[in-house]
Protein backbone atom coordinates (compact mmCIF):
# COMPACT_ATOMS: atom_id res chain seq x y z
CA MET A 1 9.10 7.41 -8.35
CA LYS A 2 12.07 6.96 -10.66
CA THR A 3 14.32 3.90 -10.42
CA GLU A 4 17.92 3.66 -11.57
CA SER A 5 18.25 2.11 -15.02
CA LYS A 6 20.51 -0.72 -13.84
CA TYR A 7 17.71 -1.92 -11.55
CA LEU A 8 14.97 -1.26 -14.06
CA GLU A 9 16.59 -3.54 -16.64
CA GLU A 10 16.47 -6.46 -14.21
CA ILE A 11 12.93 -5.59 -13.14
CA ASN A 12 11.80 -5.56 -16.78
CA ARG A 13 13.48 -8.93 -17.34
CA LEU A 14 11.70 -10.35 -14.31
CA LEU A 15 8.40 -8.80 -15.46
CA ALA A 16 8.74 -10.56 -18.81
CA ASP A 17 9.31 -13.86 -17.00
CA TYR A 18 6.30 -13.19 -14.78
CA LEU A 19 4.06 -12.36 -17.74
CA LEU A 20 5.11 -15.58 -19.44
CA GLU A 21 4.31 -17.48 -16.25
CA ILE A 22 0.83 -15.92 -16.26
CA LYS A 23 0.35 -16.79 -19.93
CA ASN A 24 1.27 -20.41 -19.29
CA SER A 25 -0.89 -20.71 -16.18
CA ASP A 26 -4.41 -22.05 -15.95
CA LEU A 27 -5.81 -18.70 -14.81
CA LYS A 28 -9.10 -17.61 -16.30
CA PRO A 29 -8.64 -14.85 -18.92
CA LEU A 30 -9.99 -12.04 -16.74
CA SER A 31 -7.83 -13.09 -13.78
CA ALA A 32 -4.76 -13.28 -16.02
CA GLN A 33 -5.52 -9.82 -17.38
CA VAL A 34 -5.73 -8.36 -13.86
CA TYR A 35 -2.37 -9.91 -12.90
CA GLN A 36 -0.78 -8.55 -16.10
CA VAL A 37 -2.18 -5.02 -15.88
CA GLN A 38 -1.36 -4.59 -12.21
CA SER A 39 2.21 -5.84 -12.55
CA LYS A 40 2.83 -3.66 -15.61
CA ASN A 41 1.42 -0.65 -13.77
CA PHE A 42 3.75 -1.32 -10.84
CA VAL A 43 6.78 -1.35 -13.15
CA ARG A 44 5.54 1.83 -14.82
CA TRP A 45 5.18 3.41 -11.36
CA ILE A 46 8.74 2.58 -10.31
CA ASN A 47 9.91 4.08 -13.59
CA GLY A 48 7.99 7.30 -12.97
CA GLU A 49 5.50 6.67 -15.80
CA PHE A 50 2.36 5.93 -13.80
CA THR A 51 0.37 7.46 -10.96
CA PRO A 52 -2.30 5.29 -9.32
CA GLY A 53 -5.76 6.72 -9.98
CA GLU A 54 -4.63 9.01 -12.81
CA VAL A 55 -7.11 7.61 -15.35
CA LYS A 56 -10.03 7.94 -12.98
CA LYS A 57 -8.98 11.47 -12.05
CA SER A 58 -8.69 12.56 -15.71
CA LYS A 59 -12.10 11.07 -16.53
CA ARG A 60 -13.64 12.91 -13.58
CA GLN A 61 -12.04 16.19 -14.72
CA ALA A 62 -13.35 15.66 -18.26
CA GLN A 63 -16.86 15.06 -16.93
CA ASP A 64 -16.64 18.16 -14.74
CA ASN A 65 -15.48 20.27 -17.70
CA ALA A 66 -18.26 18.93 -19.93
CA ALA A 67 -20.86 19.78 -17.29
CA LYS A 68 -19.80 23.45 -17.28
């Protein structure tokens, strides 16, 4: 998915605010990391830079190629 740049600028601004909110929260480190990674991945997805499951798929393909 690719989002228009005028919307993406506002989304990135809001993401920065959200990440700061997470940083200043009392979340445990692992929980905070999950919130951060998932929200960043969502923004990457709307900008056409991320496909859910792509890392897992590429690892599986590498394992399959190594087994041959």
